[in-house]
Amino acid sequence: MKKTIALAVCALALSACGGNHKSTLVKACVDEGEDKKMCACLADELEENTDEKTFALLAKAAKSGDLEDGIDGIPAEKKISVGLAMMGAAAKCAK
């Protein structure tokens, strides 16, 4: 689960289209062995609870597999809200 949350955070930046970002997040999550339904839920929650730019950065990080770089690309003032969005997504999707 911890890896799933990390991947979800990582998943933000691929192309200009939000749908591609979501697909990128879901694929990275599934590639790590998580259930597709859970991964789709996490991606939906992150898309809903983060701004477009942050969501794109997470998708980019998920695609590259480099969580640290993805998190580093998020402005400091947004890191807390992203963390809270990830925790909320994990809690909601784990039900």
Protein backbone atom coordinates (compact mmCIF):
# COMPACT_ATOMS: atom_id res chain seq x y z
CA MET A 1 0.00 0.00 0.00
CA LYS A 2 2.85 2.36 0.83
CA LYS A 3 4.29 1.77 -2.63
CA THR A 4 0.89 2.41 -4.19
CA ILE A 5 0.64 5.77 -2.49
CA ALA A 6 4.18 6.63 -3.54
CA LEU A 7 3.38 5.70 -7.13
CA ALA A 8 0.25 7.76 -7.02
CA VAL A 9 2.27 10.75 -5.91
CA CYS A 10 4.83 10.02 -8.59
CA ALA A 11 2.35 10.00 -11.36
CA LEU A 12 2.11 13.62 -12.38
CA ALA A 13 3.39 14.75 -15.77
CA LEU A 14 3.20 13.14 -19.11
CA SER A 15 1.41 14.97 -21.89
CA ALA A 16 -0.90 17.95 -21.96
CA CYS A 17 -4.01 15.84 -21.49
CA GLY A 18 -5.23 14.94 -17.99
CA GLY A 19 -6.59 11.63 -19.23
CA ASN A 20 -3.08 10.57 -20.22
CA HIS A 21 -1.86 11.52 -16.77
CA LYS A 22 -4.49 9.34 -15.17
CA SER A 23 -3.64 6.42 -17.47
CA THR A 24 0.03 6.84 -16.65
CA LEU A 25 -0.67 6.73 -12.92
CA VAL A 26 -2.90 3.69 -13.20
CA LYS A 27 -0.38 1.82 -15.37
CA ALA A 28 2.52 2.54 -13.01
CA CYS A 29 0.44 1.42 -10.05
CA VAL A 30 -0.69 -1.80 -11.77
CA ASP A 31 2.88 -2.48 -12.92
CA GLU A 32 3.86 -2.47 -9.23
CA GLY A 33 1.38 -5.27 -8.63
CA GLU A 34 -1.62 -3.40 -7.26
CA ASP A 35 -5.22 -4.12 -8.25
CA LYS A 36 -6.39 -2.10 -11.26
CA LYS A 37 -9.58 -0.99 -9.49
CA MET A 38 -7.55 0.32 -6.55
CA CYS A 39 -5.12 2.08 -8.88
CA ALA A 40 -7.94 3.72 -10.84
CA CYS A 41 -9.52 4.89 -7.59
CA LEU A 42 -6.22 6.40 -6.40
CA ALA A 43 -5.72 8.17 -9.72
CA ASP A 44 -9.28 9.54 -9.67
CA GLU A 45 -8.87 10.82 -6.12
CA LEU A 46 -5.52 12.46 -6.85
CA GLU A 47 -6.87 14.06 -10.02
CA GLU A 48 -9.83 15.43 -8.07
CA ASN A 49 -7.79 16.67 -5.12
CA THR A 50 -4.70 18.17 -6.76
CA ASP A 51 -4.30 20.93 -9.31
CA GLU A 52 -3.51 20.12 -12.95
CA LYS A 53 0.17 21.00 -12.75
CA THR A 54 0.73 18.90 -9.64
CA PHE A 55 -1.20 15.98 -11.10
CA ALA A 56 0.98 16.21 -14.21
CA LEU A 57 4.15 16.18 -12.09
CA LEU A 58 2.95 13.06 -10.28
CA ALA A 59 2.21 11.31 -13.59
CA LYS A 60 5.65 12.19 -14.92
CA ALA A 61 7.30 10.80 -11.81
CA ALA A 62 5.21 7.62 -11.99
CA LYS A 63 6.15 7.12 -15.61
CA SER A 64 9.85 7.56 -14.91
CA GLY A 65 9.69 5.49 -11.73
CA ASP A 66 11.56 8.20 -9.81
CA LEU A 67 9.41 9.28 -6.89
CA GLU A 68 12.06 11.54 -5.37
CA ASP A 69 12.36 13.62 -8.53
CA GLY A 70 8.58 13.82 -8.77
CA ILE A 71 8.21 15.07 -5.24
CA ASP A 72 11.12 17.48 -5.65
CA GLY A 73 9.28 19.05 -8.59
CA ILE A 74 6.30 19.93 -6.41
CA PRO A 75 6.54 23.38 -4.81
CA ALA A 76 7.09 23.25 -1.04
CA GLU A 77 3.80 25.01 -0.30
CA LYS A 78 1.90 22.25 -2.14
CA LYS A 79 3.68 19.21 -0.72
CA ILE A 80 1.49 19.10 2.38
CA SER A 81 -1.73 19.26 0.38
CA VAL A 82 -0.44 16.54 -1.96
CA GLY A 83 0.44 14.36 1.03
CA LEU A 84 -3.01 14.88 2.49
CA ALA A 85 -4.63 14.11 -0.86
CA MET A 86 -2.61 10.89 -1.08
CA MET A 87 -3.53 9.82 2.43
CA GLY A 88 -7.19 10.58 1.79
CA ALA A 89 -7.10 8.67 -1.49
CA ALA A 90 -5.48 5.66 0.14
CA ALA A 91 -8.05 5.63 2.93
CA LYS A 92 -11.01 5.99 0.58
CA CYS A 93 -9.79 3.49 -2.01
CA ALA A 94 -8.79 0.82 0.51
CA LYS A 95 -12.43 0.36 1.57
